[in-house]
C-alpha atoms as a PDB file:
ATOM      1  CA  UNK A   1      52.737-117.019-114.483  1.00  0.00           C
ATOM      2  CA  UNK A   2      53.138-113.180-112.189  1.00  0.00           C
ATOM      3  CA  UNK A   3      55.061-110.075-113.601  1.00  0.00           C
ATOM      4  CA  UNK A   4      57.684-109.475-111.033  1.00  0.00           C
ATOM      5  CA  UNK A   5      57.869-105.861-110.290  1.00  0.00           C
ATOM      6  CA  UNK A   6      60.399-103.799-111.321  1.00  0.00           C
ATOM      7  CA  UNK A   7      59.799-100.687-110.071  1.00  0.00           C
ATOM      8  CA  UNK A   8      62.302 -99.670-106.755  1.00  0.00           C
ATOM      9  CA  UNK A   9      63.066 -96.746-104.399  1.00  0.00           C
ATOM     10  CA  UNK A  10      66.175 -95.002-105.167  1.00  0.00           C
ATOM     11  CA  UNK A  11      68.148 -96.614-102.661  1.00  0.00           C
ATOM     12  CA  UNK A  12      67.113 -99.665-103.473  1.00  0.00           C
ATOM     13  CA  UNK A  13      68.598 -99.090-107.022  1.00  0.00           C
ATOM     14  CA  UNK A  14      71.788 -97.745-105.556  1.00  0.00           C
ATOM     15  CA  UNK A  15      72.211-100.525-103.029  1.00  0.00           C
ATOM     16  CA  UNK A  16      72.612-103.001-105.948  1.00  0.00           C
ATOM     17  CA  UNK A  17      76.462-100.741-106.959  1.00  0.00           C
ATOM     18  CA  UNK A  18      79.377-102.166-105.028  1.00  0.00           C
ATOM     19  CA  UNK A  19      82.414-101.643-105.076  1.00  0.00           C
ATOM     20  CA  UNK A  20      84.698-102.151-108.249  1.00  0.00           C
ATOM     21  CA  UNK A  21      81.774-102.004-110.877  1.00  0.00           C
ATOM     22  CA  UNK A  22      81.503-100.926-113.723  1.00  0.00           C
ATOM     23  CA  UNK A  23      78.299 -98.942-114.145  1.00  0.00           C
ATOM     24  CA  UNK A  24      77.044 -96.452-117.469  1.00  0.00           C
ATOM     25  CA  UNK A  25      75.634 -93.394-116.907  1.00  0.00           C
ATOM     26  CA  UNK A  26      72.865 -92.040-119.118  1.00  0.00           C
ATOM     27  CA  UNK A  27      71.670 -88.585-119.919  1.00  0.00           C
ATOM     28  CA  UNK A  28      72.784 -85.697-122.040  1.00  0.00           C
ATOM     29  CA  UNK A  29      73.992 -82.740-121.841  1.00  0.00           C
ATOM     30  CA  UNK A  30      71.673 -80.735-119.565  1.00  0.00           C
ATOM     31  CA  UNK A  31      69.015 -83.486-119.524  1.00  0.00           C
ATOM     32  CA  UNK A  32      67.935 -86.431-118.261  1.00  0.00           C
ATOM     33  CA  UNK A  33      70.356 -87.536-115.483  1.00  0.00           C
ATOM     34  CA  UNK A  34      70.185 -89.808-112.512  1.00  0.00           C
ATOM     35  CA  UNK A  35      71.565 -87.069-110.060  1.00  0.00           C
ATOM     36  CA  UNK A  36      69.368 -89.118-107.244  1.00  0.00           C
ATOM     37  CA  UNK A  37      71.135 -92.320-107.552  1.00  0.00           C
ATOM     38  CA  UNK A  38      74.454 -90.821-108.126  1.00  0.00           C
ATOM     39  CA  UNK A  39      73.695 -88.991-104.533  1.00  0.00           C
ATOM     40  CA  UNK A  40      72.997 -92.071-103.190  1.00  0.00           C
ATOM     41  CA  UNK A  41      76.053 -94.047-104.041  1.00  0.00           C
ATOM     42  CA  UNK A  42      78.515 -91.505-103.001  1.00  0.00           C
ATOM     43  CA  UNK A  43      76.476 -91.779 -99.708  1.00  0.00           C
ATOM     44  CA  UNK A  44      76.550 -95.337 -99.986  1.00  0.00           C
ATOM     45  CA  UNK A  45      80.496 -95.200 -99.577  1.00  0.00           C
ATOM     46  CA  UNK A  46      81.228 -97.541-102.970  1.00  0.00           C
ATOM     47  CA  UNK A  47      84.564 -96.266-104.541  1.00  0.00           C
ATOM     48  CA  UNK A  48      86.147 -97.354-107.322  1.00  0.00           C
ATOM     49  CA  UNK A  49      83.946 -97.517-110.077  1.00  0.00           C
ATOM     50  CA  UNK A  50      84.102 -97.827-113.335  1.00  0.00           C
ATOM     51  CA  UNK A  51      82.603 -94.989-114.895  1.00  0.00           C
ATOM     52  CA  UNK A  52      80.721 -94.989-118.590  1.00  0.00           C
ATOM     53  CA  UNK A  53      79.199 -91.755-119.897  1.00  0.00           C
ATOM     54  CA  UNK A  54      77.450 -90.987-122.736  1.00  0.00           C
ATOM     55  CA  UNK A  55      78.976 -89.313-125.782  1.00  0.00           C
ATOM     56  CA  UNK A  56      78.422 -86.233-123.784  1.00  0.00           C
ATOM     57  CA  UNK A  57      77.767 -87.123-119.854  1.00  0.00           C
ATOM     58  CA  UNK A  58      77.366 -83.818-117.524  1.00  0.00           C
ATOM     59  CA  UNK A  59      78.031 -82.625-114.355  1.00  0.00           C
ATOM     60  CA  UNK A  60      77.237 -85.830-112.250  1.00  0.00           C
ATOM     61  CA  UNK A  61      79.934 -87.899-113.711  1.00  0.00           C
ATOM     62  CA  UNK A  62      82.145 -85.089-112.386  1.00  0.00           C
ATOM     63  CA  UNK A  63      80.363 -84.700-109.118  1.00  0.00           C
ATOM     64  CA  UNK A  64      81.270 -88.462-108.694  1.00  0.00           C
ATOM     65  CA  UNK A  65      85.218 -88.345-109.632  1.00  0.00           C
ATOM     66  CA  UNK A  66      85.459 -85.485-106.547  1.00  0.00           C
ATOM     67  CA  UNK A  67      83.506 -87.854-104.640  1.00  0.00           C
ATOM     68  CA  UNK A  68      86.591 -90.170-104.989  1.00  0.00           C
ATOM     69  CA  UNK A  69      83.894 -92.671-106.208  1.00  0.00           C
ATOM     70  CA  UNK A  70      85.185 -92.980-109.992  1.00  0.00           C
ATOM     71  CA  UNK A  71      88.633 -95.003-110.610  1.00  0.00           C
ATOM     72  CA  UNK A  72      88.458 -94.774-114.054  1.00  0.00           C
ATOM     73  CA  UNK A  73      85.775 -93.170-116.657  1.00  0.00           C
ATOM     74  CA  UNK A  74      85.122 -93.578-119.843  1.00  0.00           C
ATOM     75  CA  UNK A  75      83.500 -90.907-121.889  1.00  0.00           C
ATOM     76  CA  UNK A  76      84.371 -88.173-124.400  1.00  0.00           C
ATOM     77  CA  UNK A  77      83.129 -85.437-122.450  1.00  0.00           C
ATOM     78  CA  UNK A  78      82.072 -84.240-118.657  1.00  0.00           C
ATOM     79  CA  UNK A  79      80.574 -80.682-118.347  1.00  0.00           C
ATOM     80  CA  UNK A  80      77.505 -78.791-118.021  1.00  0.00           C
ATOM     81  CA  UNK A  81      77.658 -76.801-121.311  1.00  0.00           C
ATOM     82  CA  UNK A  82      77.544 -73.160-120.507  1.00  0.00           C
ATOM     83  CA  UNK A  83      76.970 -73.531-116.629  1.00  0.00           C
ATOM     84  CA  UNK A  84      80.500 -75.481-116.985  1.00  0.00           C
ATOM     85  CA  UNK A  85      82.087 -76.179-120.189  1.00  0.00           C
ATOM     86  CA  UNK A  86      84.287 -78.589-118.513  1.00  0.00           C
ATOM     87  CA  UNK A  87      83.945 -80.190-115.289  1.00  0.00           C
ATOM     88  CA  UNK A  88      86.428 -79.136-112.697  1.00  0.00           C
ATOM     89  CA  UNK A  89      87.063 -82.891-111.277  1.00  0.00           C
ATOM     90  CA  UNK A  90      87.859 -84.439-114.398  1.00  0.00           C
ATOM     91  CA  UNK A  91      89.660 -81.499-115.562  1.00  0.00           C
ATOM     92  CA  UNK A  92      92.349 -82.894-113.673  1.00  0.00           C
END
């Protein structure tokens, strides 16, 4: 049995995200945030996502809110610690 390749490019991964989907975003405070795929999702023009973040999500979710990608957000916190204690778009 041949194993299937599971490594893909950022653009391939982002192309799997469609309007209206629910997506989970990883990372914690200022570490391990998937910024490259977030930027590609925004470039692809995806809209109306429900975004589920980690308990202490970073500014990538704030970027999604500001770009009009996120319709709903489920997380306890969106910010960048001392850089931006609360994300400006999340605050609204």
